[in-house]
């Protein structure tokens, strides 16, 4: 099954487009509605999936990867990552140096191994859409974090309690854009099964992107306006092919 992108908004180069067709058993089934910054439900052989993609992200990925601006930003990210390792003394054994821990890790520099995934913590605030594009710019398989089990949720919360900024939220990959109340993980479209919503969350309305709330709520889930800038969490599986090409 494959999306066919046939819509874009030239007036908004950062606009999102939906897949306006899906190949299902050789048959292309059109989607009734398309628009920018939307997530659409597609039915194919009895299967329901929510999907969204960004043409702009695909176009910019190859153009920016070799740019000097990204190289400078990468160095800054590495410095911030190493600083967080040094400061997070609770996570470092008294007999093991931070460098030794990094060398033993299955994750590259600036990423942190938690369970069977590698995570990158974005210390510089971006809105949800820009954060998703930034994660994708690392390469195939890297996206905003998805939280699928209680153990994974607990591990992330513990790590953020030590390494995160408690004064700001953290974007993750959940969204109900286009179908309010039907939360799914971007970009796979997998519907959210396990959840850890905070009190009175999700609040609905025009708040369609998921983030983890620091401070007293201890990184429980909440929804918020997607255009708001905050920190973010990228991930990829340590068992997958390395994303860098």
C-alpha atoms as a PDB file:
ATOM      1  CA  UNK A   1       0.000   0.000   0.000  1.00  0.00           C
ATOM      2  CA  UNK A   2       1.328   3.401  -0.927  1.00  0.00           C
ATOM      3  CA  UNK A   3       0.182   7.021  -0.656  1.00  0.00           C
ATOM      4  CA  UNK A   4      -0.179   9.148  -3.767  1.00  0.00           C
ATOM      5  CA  UNK A   5       0.403  12.850  -3.019  1.00  0.00           C
ATOM      6  CA  UNK A   6      -1.584  15.076  -5.378  1.00  0.00           C
ATOM      7  CA  UNK A   7      -2.167  18.243  -3.332  1.00  0.00           C
ATOM      8  CA  UNK A   8       0.060  21.047  -2.130  1.00  0.00           C
ATOM      9  CA  UNK A   9      -0.426  24.657  -1.104  1.00  0.00           C
ATOM     10  CA  UNK A  10       2.022  26.962  -2.975  1.00  0.00           C
ATOM     11  CA  UNK A  11       0.955  29.885  -0.784  1.00  0.00           C
ATOM     12  CA  UNK A  12       2.301  28.081   2.264  1.00  0.00           C
ATOM     13  CA  UNK A  13       5.621  26.259   1.561  1.00  0.00           C
ATOM     14  CA  UNK A  14       5.558  24.841   5.079  1.00  0.00           C
ATOM     15  CA  UNK A  15       2.024  23.517   4.585  1.00  0.00           C
ATOM     16  CA  UNK A  16       1.186  19.888   5.130  1.00  0.00           C
ATOM     17  CA  UNK A  17      -0.534  17.762   2.528  1.00  0.00           C
ATOM     18  CA  UNK A  18      -2.423  14.546   2.857  1.00  0.00           C
ATOM     19  CA  UNK A  19      -2.202  11.429   0.748  1.00  0.00           C
ATOM     20  CA  UNK A  20      -5.141  11.747  -1.625  1.00  0.00           C
ATOM     21  CA  UNK A  21      -5.149   8.174  -2.767  1.00  0.00           C
ATOM     22  CA  UNK A  22      -4.156   4.762  -1.528  1.00  0.00           C
ATOM     23  CA  UNK A  23      -3.211   1.698  -3.518  1.00  0.00           C
ATOM     24  CA  UNK A  24      -5.232  -1.210  -2.107  1.00  0.00           C
ATOM     25  CA  UNK A  25      -4.937  -4.535  -3.887  1.00  0.00           C
ATOM     26  CA  UNK A  26      -4.097  -2.741  -7.110  1.00  0.00           C
ATOM     27  CA  UNK A  27      -6.990  -0.304  -6.763  1.00  0.00           C
ATOM     28  CA  UNK A  28      -6.480   3.385  -5.965  1.00  0.00           C
ATOM     29  CA  UNK A  29      -9.188   4.553  -3.594  1.00  0.00           C
ATOM     30  CA  UNK A  30      -9.464   8.351  -3.393  1.00  0.00           C
ATOM     31  CA  UNK A  31      -9.796  10.198  -0.104  1.00  0.00           C
ATOM     32  CA  UNK A  32     -12.786  12.548  -0.031  1.00  0.00           C
ATOM     33  CA  UNK A  33     -11.016  15.556   1.479  1.00  0.00           C
ATOM     34  CA  UNK A  34      -7.500  16.948   1.403  1.00  0.00           C
ATOM     35  CA  UNK A  35      -5.988  19.992   3.056  1.00  0.00           C
ATOM     36  CA  UNK A  36      -2.937  21.387   4.814  1.00  0.00           C
ATOM     37  CA  UNK A  37      -2.011  20.305   8.316  1.00  0.00           C
ATOM     38  CA  UNK A  38      -4.587  17.546   8.357  1.00  0.00           C
ATOM     39  CA  UNK A  39      -4.547  13.880   9.357  1.00  0.00           C
ATOM     40  CA  UNK A  40      -6.901  11.661   7.377  1.00  0.00           C
ATOM     41  CA  UNK A  41      -8.571   8.347   8.104  1.00  0.00           C
ATOM     42  CA  UNK A  42      -8.204   5.828   5.307  1.00  0.00           C
ATOM     43  CA  UNK A  43     -10.072   2.545   5.040  1.00  0.00           C
ATOM     44  CA  UNK A  44      -8.420  -0.194   3.065  1.00  0.00           C
ATOM     45  CA  UNK A  45      -9.483  -3.833   3.289  1.00  0.00           C
ATOM     46  CA  UNK A  46     -11.169  -3.242   6.631  1.00  0.00           C
ATOM     47  CA  UNK A  47      -8.068  -1.583   8.098  1.00  0.00           C
ATOM     48  CA  UNK A  48      -8.239   1.955   9.466  1.00  0.00           C
ATOM     49  CA  UNK A  49      -5.090   4.054   9.582  1.00  0.00           C
ATOM     50  CA  UNK A  50      -4.462   7.721  10.201  1.00  0.00           C
ATOM     51  CA  UNK A  51      -1.744   9.125   7.965  1.00  0.00           C
ATOM     52  CA  UNK A  52      -0.066  12.472   7.351  1.00  0.00           C
ATOM     53  CA  UNK A  53       3.055  13.531   5.488  1.00  0.00           C
ATOM     54  CA  UNK A  54       4.958  16.687   4.612  1.00  0.00           C
ATOM     55  CA  UNK A  55       6.176  17.296   1.091  1.00  0.00           C
ATOM     56  CA  UNK A  56       8.251  20.208   2.390  1.00  0.00           C
ATOM     57  CA  UNK A  57      10.090  17.933   4.825  1.00  0.00           C
ATOM     58  CA  UNK A  58      11.058  15.540   2.027  1.00  0.00           C
ATOM     59  CA  UNK A  59      12.283  18.395  -0.179  1.00  0.00           C
ATOM     60  CA  UNK A  60      14.338  20.045   2.534  1.00  0.00           C
ATOM     61  CA  UNK A  61      15.947  16.925   3.986  1.00  0.00           C
ATOM     62  CA  UNK A  62      18.532  16.388   1.241  1.00  0.00           C
ATOM     63  CA  UNK A  63      19.075  20.122   0.647  1.00  0.00           C
ATOM     64  CA  UNK A  64      19.840  20.930   4.279  1.00  0.00           C
ATOM     65  CA  UNK A  65      21.817  17.889   5.315  1.00  0.00           C
ATOM     66  CA  UNK A  66      25.051  19.233   3.851  1.00  0.00           C
ATOM     67  CA  UNK A  67      24.444  22.893   4.682  1.00  0.00           C
ATOM     68  CA  UNK A  68      26.835  24.662   7.018  1.00  0.00           C
ATOM     69  CA  UNK A  69      23.960  25.806   9.199  1.00  0.00           C
ATOM     70  CA  UNK A  70      23.100  22.201  10.016  1.00  0.00           C
ATOM     71  CA  UNK A  71      26.738  21.355  10.659  1.00  0.00           C
ATOM     72  CA  UNK A  72      27.007  24.170  13.180  1.00  0.00           C
ATOM     73  CA  UNK A  73      23.718  23.120  14.755  1.00  0.00           C
ATOM     74  CA  UNK A  74      24.915  19.508  14.970  1.00  0.00           C
ATOM     75  CA  UNK A  75      28.044  20.579  16.880  1.00  0.00           C
ATOM     76  CA  UNK A  76      25.867  22.581  19.270  1.00  0.00           C
ATOM     77  CA  UNK A  77      23.617  19.561  19.817  1.00  0.00           C
ATOM     78  CA  UNK A  78      26.586  17.321  20.581  1.00  0.00           C
ATOM     79  CA  UNK A  79      27.896  19.832  23.132  1.00  0.00           C
ATOM     80  CA  UNK A  80      24.481  20.058  24.790  1.00  0.00           C
ATOM     81  CA  UNK A  81      24.162  16.284  24.831  1.00  0.00           C
ATOM     82  CA  UNK A  82      27.571  15.782  26.450  1.00  0.00           C
ATOM     83  CA  UNK A  83      26.750  18.470  28.994  1.00  0.00           C
ATOM     84  CA  UNK A  84      23.538  16.664  29.913  1.00  0.00           C
ATOM     85  CA  UNK A  85      25.461  13.413  30.396  1.00  0.00           C
ATOM     86  CA  UNK A  86      27.935  15.096  32.740  1.00  0.00           C
ATOM     87  CA  UNK A  87      25.180  16.776  34.740  1.00  0.00           C
ATOM     88  CA  UNK A  88      23.018  13.654  34.980  1.00  0.00           C
ATOM     89  CA  UNK A  89      25.125  12.048  37.700  1.00  0.00           C
ATOM     90  CA  UNK A  90      22.286   9.827  38.816  1.00  0.00           C
ATOM     91  CA  UNK A  91      22.469   7.963  35.532  1.00  0.00           C
ATOM     92  CA  UNK A  92      26.209   7.365  35.600  1.00  0.00           C
ATOM     93  CA  UNK A  93      27.854   4.638  37.631  1.00  0.00           C
ATOM     94  CA  UNK A  94      30.537   5.802  40.049  1.00  0.00           C
ATOM     95  CA  UNK A  95      32.977   3.394  38.356  1.00  0.00           C
ATOM     96  CA  UNK A  96      32.121   4.389  34.786  1.00  0.00           C
ATOM     97  CA  UNK A  97      32.875   7.650  32.995  1.00  0.00           C
ATOM     98  CA  UNK A  98      30.323   9.369  30.708  1.00  0.00           C
ATOM     99  CA  UNK A  99      32.594   8.679  27.727  1.00  0.00           C
ATOM    100  CA  UNK A 100      32.688   4.950  28.537  1.00  0.00           C
ATOM    101  CA  UNK A 101      28.894   4.904  28.789  1.00  0.00           C
ATOM    102  CA  UNK A 102      28.636   6.616  25.387  1.00  0.00           C
ATOM    103  CA  UNK A 103      31.048   4.119  23.815  1.00  0.00           C
ATOM    104  CA  UNK A 104      29.038   1.192  25.209  1.00  0.00           C
ATOM    105  CA  UNK A 105      25.764   2.633  23.956  1.00  0.00           C
ATOM    106  CA  UNK A 106      24.178   1.359  20.753  1.00  0.00           C
ATOM    107  CA  UNK A 107      23.173   4.940  19.956  1.00  0.00           C
ATOM    108  CA  UNK A 108      25.217   7.617  18.133  1.00  0.00           C
ATOM    109  CA  UNK A 109      26.553  10.749  19.783  1.00  0.00           C
ATOM    110  CA  UNK A 110      23.813  13.123  21.030  1.00  0.00           C
ATOM    111  CA  UNK A 111      21.306  10.245  21.198  1.00  0.00           C
ATOM    112  CA  UNK A 112      20.481   8.447  24.448  1.00  0.00           C
ATOM    113  CA  UNK A 113      19.707   4.741  24.741  1.00  0.00           C
ATOM    114  CA  UNK A 114      16.485   4.046  26.654  1.00  0.00           C
ATOM    115  CA  UNK A 115      15.194   0.490  26.360  1.00  0.00           C
ATOM    116  CA  UNK A 116      15.436  -0.633  22.730  1.00  0.00           C
ATOM    117  CA  UNK A 117      15.310   2.868  21.266  1.00  0.00           C
ATOM    118  CA  UNK A 118      17.658   5.804  20.774  1.00  0.00           C
ATOM    119  CA  UNK A 119      16.302   9.220  21.742  1.00  0.00           C
ATOM    120  CA  UNK A 120      17.386  12.740  20.883  1.00  0.00           C
ATOM    121  CA  UNK A 121      16.211  15.523  23.196  1.00  0.00           C
ATOM    122  CA  UNK A 122      15.714  18.831  21.389  1.00  0.00           C
ATOM    123  CA  UNK A 123      16.795  21.546  23.834  1.00  0.00           C
ATOM    124  CA  UNK A 124      15.871  24.280  21.328  1.00  0.00           C
ATOM    125  CA  UNK A 125      12.106  24.968  21.090  1.00  0.00           C
ATOM    126  CA  UNK A 126      10.246  24.300  17.834  1.00  0.00           C
ATOM    127  CA  UNK A 127       6.574  23.956  16.989  1.00  0.00           C
ATOM    128  CA  UNK A 128       5.226  20.432  16.477  1.00  0.00           C
ATOM    129  CA  UNK A 129       5.472  20.524  12.673  1.00  0.00           C
ATOM    130  CA  UNK A 130       9.039  21.887  12.622  1.00  0.00           C
ATOM    131  CA  UNK A 131      10.040  19.378  15.320  1.00  0.00           C
ATOM    132  CA  UNK A 132       8.689  16.511  13.194  1.00  0.00           C
ATOM    133  CA  UNK A 133      10.669  17.784  10.199  1.00  0.00           C
ATOM    134  CA  UNK A 134      13.824  18.189  12.270  1.00  0.00           C
ATOM    135  CA  UNK A 135      13.615  14.585  13.537  1.00  0.00           C
ATOM    136  CA  UNK A 136      13.101  13.338   9.983  1.00  0.00           C
ATOM    137  CA  UNK A 137      16.153  15.309   8.817  1.00  0.00           C
ATOM    138  CA  UNK A 138      18.385  12.824  10.691  1.00  0.00           C
ATOM    139  CA  UNK A 139      17.348  10.196   8.147  1.00  0.00           C
ATOM    140  CA  UNK A 140      14.888   7.390   7.506  1.00  0.00           C
ATOM    141  CA  UNK A 141      13.351   5.833  10.599  1.00  0.00           C
ATOM    142  CA  UNK A 142      13.795   8.868  12.883  1.00  0.00           C
ATOM    143  CA  UNK A 143      10.588  10.558  14.023  1.00  0.00           C
ATOM    144  CA  UNK A 144       9.002  12.265  16.992  1.00  0.00           C
ATOM    145  CA  UNK A 145       8.808   9.791  19.865  1.00  0.00           C
ATOM    146  CA  UNK A 146       6.000   7.249  20.091  1.00  0.00           C
ATOM    147  CA  UNK A 147       5.068   5.774  23.479  1.00  0.00           C
ATOM    148  CA  UNK A 148       3.403   2.390  23.086  1.00  0.00           C
ATOM    149  CA  UNK A 149       3.753   0.641  26.467  1.00  0.00           C
ATOM    150  CA  UNK A 150       3.623   1.511  30.159  1.00  0.00           C
ATOM    151  CA  UNK A 151       7.265   0.427  30.578  1.00  0.00           C
ATOM    152  CA  UNK A 152       8.409   2.674  27.743  1.00  0.00           C
ATOM    153  CA  UNK A 153       6.387   5.543  29.200  1.00  0.00           C
ATOM    154  CA  UNK A 154       7.915   5.028  32.659  1.00  0.00           C
ATOM    155  CA  UNK A 155      11.465   4.862  31.270  1.00  0.00           C
ATOM    156  CA  UNK A 156      11.020   8.100  29.310  1.00  0.00           C
ATOM    157  CA  UNK A 157       9.498   9.889  32.306  1.00  0.00           C
ATOM    158  CA  UNK A 158      12.409   8.827  34.529  1.00  0.00           C
ATOM    159  CA  UNK A 159      14.952  10.006  31.978  1.00  0.00           C
ATOM    160  CA  UNK A 160      13.213  13.352  31.486  1.00  0.00           C
ATOM    161  CA  UNK A 161      12.943  13.846  35.252  1.00  0.00           C
ATOM    162  CA  UNK A 162      16.757  13.903  35.371  1.00  0.00           C
ATOM    163  CA  UNK A 163      17.671  15.389  31.989  1.00  0.00           C
ATOM    164  CA  UNK A 164      14.666  17.430  30.858  1.00  0.00           C
ATOM    165  CA  UNK A 165      13.731  21.059  31.405  1.00  0.00           C
ATOM    166  CA  UNK A 166      10.817  20.959  33.849  1.00  0.00           C
ATOM    167  CA  UNK A 167       9.707  24.478  32.871  1.00  0.00           C
ATOM    168  CA  UNK A 168       8.670  23.474  29.361  1.00  0.00           C
ATOM    169  CA  UNK A 169       6.725  20.688  27.718  1.00  0.00           C
ATOM    170  CA  UNK A 170       8.153  18.099  25.323  1.00  0.00           C
ATOM    171  CA  UNK A 171       6.549  17.378  21.950  1.00  0.00           C
ATOM    172  CA  UNK A 172       6.032  13.712  21.028  1.00  0.00           C
ATOM    173  CA  UNK A 173       4.507  12.175  17.905  1.00  0.00           C
ATOM    174  CA  UNK A 174       0.815  11.947  18.831  1.00  0.00           C
ATOM    175  CA  UNK A 175      -1.790  13.954  16.897  1.00  0.00           C
ATOM    176  CA  UNK A 176      -5.524  13.979  16.172  1.00  0.00           C
ATOM    177  CA  UNK A 177      -5.358  16.508  13.317  1.00  0.00           C
ATOM    178  CA  UNK A 178      -8.293  16.094  10.946  1.00  0.00           C
ATOM    179  CA  UNK A 179     -10.163  13.617  13.163  1.00  0.00           C
ATOM    180  CA  UNK A 180     -10.597  15.169  16.586  1.00  0.00           C
ATOM    181  CA  UNK A 181     -10.471  12.609  19.357  1.00  0.00           C
ATOM    182  CA  UNK A 182      -8.841   9.867  17.231  1.00  0.00           C
ATOM    183  CA  UNK A 183      -5.226  10.021  18.340  1.00  0.00           C
ATOM    184  CA  UNK A 184      -2.520   8.378  16.241  1.00  0.00           C
ATOM    185  CA  UNK A 185       1.267   8.295  16.100  1.00  0.00           C
ATOM    186  CA  UNK A 186       2.932  10.240  13.298  1.00  0.00           C
ATOM    187  CA  UNK A 187       4.121   9.199  10.765  1.00  0.00           C
ATOM    188  CA  UNK A 188       3.054   5.520  10.982  1.00  0.00           C
ATOM    189  CA  UNK A 189      -0.622   6.284  11.515  1.00  0.00           C
ATOM    190  CA  UNK A 190      -0.864   3.664  14.270  1.00  0.00           C
ATOM    191  CA  UNK A 191      -3.781   4.484  16.550  1.00  0.00           C
ATOM    192  CA  UNK A 192      -2.825   5.287  20.153  1.00  0.00           C
ATOM    193  CA  UNK A 193      -3.604   2.244  22.295  1.00  0.00           C
ATOM    194  CA  UNK A 194      -1.721   2.724  25.565  1.00  0.00           C
ATOM    195  CA  UNK A 195      -2.126   6.230  27.027  1.00  0.00           C
ATOM    196  CA  UNK A 196      -1.067   8.262  30.052  1.00  0.00           C
ATOM    197  CA  UNK A 197      -3.183  11.410  29.791  1.00  0.00           C
ATOM    198  CA  UNK A 198      -3.035  13.908  32.641  1.00  0.00           C
ATOM    199  CA  UNK A 199      -6.110  15.200  34.501  1.00  0.00           C
ATOM    200  CA  UNK A 200      -8.874  16.466  32.153  1.00  0.00           C
ATOM    201  CA  UNK A 201      -6.763  15.562  29.118  1.00  0.00           C
ATOM    202  CA  UNK A 202      -7.006  15.567  26.200  1.00  0.00           C
ATOM    203  CA  UNK A 203      -8.921  18.838  26.379  1.00  0.00           C
ATOM    204  CA  UNK A 204      -9.889  18.861  22.690  1.00  0.00           C
ATOM    205  CA  UNK A 205     -10.881  21.988  20.810  1.00  0.00           C
ATOM    206  CA  UNK A 206      -8.171  23.191  18.436  1.00  0.00           C
ATOM    207  CA  UNK A 207      -5.365  21.529  20.417  1.00  0.00           C
ATOM    208  CA  UNK A 208      -4.348  18.645  18.192  1.00  0.00           C
ATOM    209  CA  UNK A 209      -0.741  17.793  19.092  1.00  0.00           C
ATOM    210  CA  UNK A 210       0.547  15.712  22.006  1.00  0.00           C
ATOM    211  CA  UNK A 211       3.205  16.770  24.479  1.00  0.00           C
ATOM    212  CA  UNK A 212       4.564  15.629  27.850  1.00  0.00           C
ATOM    213  CA  UNK A 213       3.934  18.063  30.706  1.00  0.00           C
ATOM    214  CA  UNK A 214       6.902  18.619  33.033  1.00  0.00           C
ATOM    215  CA  UNK A 215       6.831  19.998  36.552  1.00  0.00           C
ATOM    216  CA  UNK A 216       4.297  18.639  39.036  1.00  0.00           C
ATOM    217  CA  UNK A 217       2.575  16.433  36.443  1.00  0.00           C
ATOM    218  CA  UNK A 218       5.785  14.449  35.936  1.00  0.00           C
ATOM    219  CA  UNK A 219       5.554  14.264  32.131  1.00  0.00           C
ATOM    220  CA  UNK A 220       2.009  13.013  31.810  1.00  0.00           C
ATOM    221  CA  UNK A 221       0.367  13.491  28.419  1.00  0.00           C
ATOM    222  CA  UNK A 222      -1.630  16.502  27.260  1.00  0.00           C
ATOM    223  CA  UNK A 223      -2.755  18.128  24.022  1.00  0.00           C
ATOM    224  CA  UNK A 224      -1.830  21.640  22.931  1.00  0.00           C
ATOM    225  CA  UNK A 225      -1.755  24.034  19.969  1.00  0.00           C
ATOM    226  CA  UNK A 226       0.591  22.583  17.350  1.00  0.00           C
ATOM    227  CA  UNK A 227       2.110  25.968  16.444  1.00  0.00           C
ATOM    228  CA  UNK A 228       3.494  26.539  19.956  1.00  0.00           C
ATOM    229  CA  UNK A 229       7.290  26.251  20.364  1.00  0.00           C
ATOM    230  CA  UNK A 230       8.635  23.815  22.968  1.00  0.00           C
ATOM    231  CA  UNK A 231      11.293  21.141  23.420  1.00  0.00           C
ATOM    232  CA  UNK A 232      10.829  17.819  21.625  1.00  0.00           C
ATOM    233  CA  UNK A 233      11.891  14.171  21.646  1.00  0.00           C
ATOM    234  CA  UNK A 234      13.033  12.230  18.552  1.00  0.00           C
ATOM    235  CA  UNK A 235      13.509   8.454  18.422  1.00  0.00           C
ATOM    236  CA  UNK A 236      14.492   5.466  16.328  1.00  0.00           C
ATOM    237  CA  UNK A 237      14.775   1.755  17.123  1.00  0.00           C
ATOM    238  CA  UNK A 238      18.242   0.350  17.893  1.00  0.00           C
ATOM    239  CA  UNK A 239      17.195  -2.810  16.016  1.00  0.00           C
ATOM    240  CA  UNK A 240      16.488  -0.931  12.790  1.00  0.00           C
ATOM    241  CA  UNK A 241      18.931   0.047  10.077  1.00  0.00           C
ATOM    242  CA  UNK A 242      20.920   3.129  11.073  1.00  0.00           C
ATOM    243  CA  UNK A 243      19.113   6.189   9.669  1.00  0.00           C
ATOM    244  CA  UNK A 244      22.175   8.054   8.363  1.00  0.00           C
ATOM    245  CA  UNK A 245      22.666   7.629   4.652  1.00  0.00           C
END
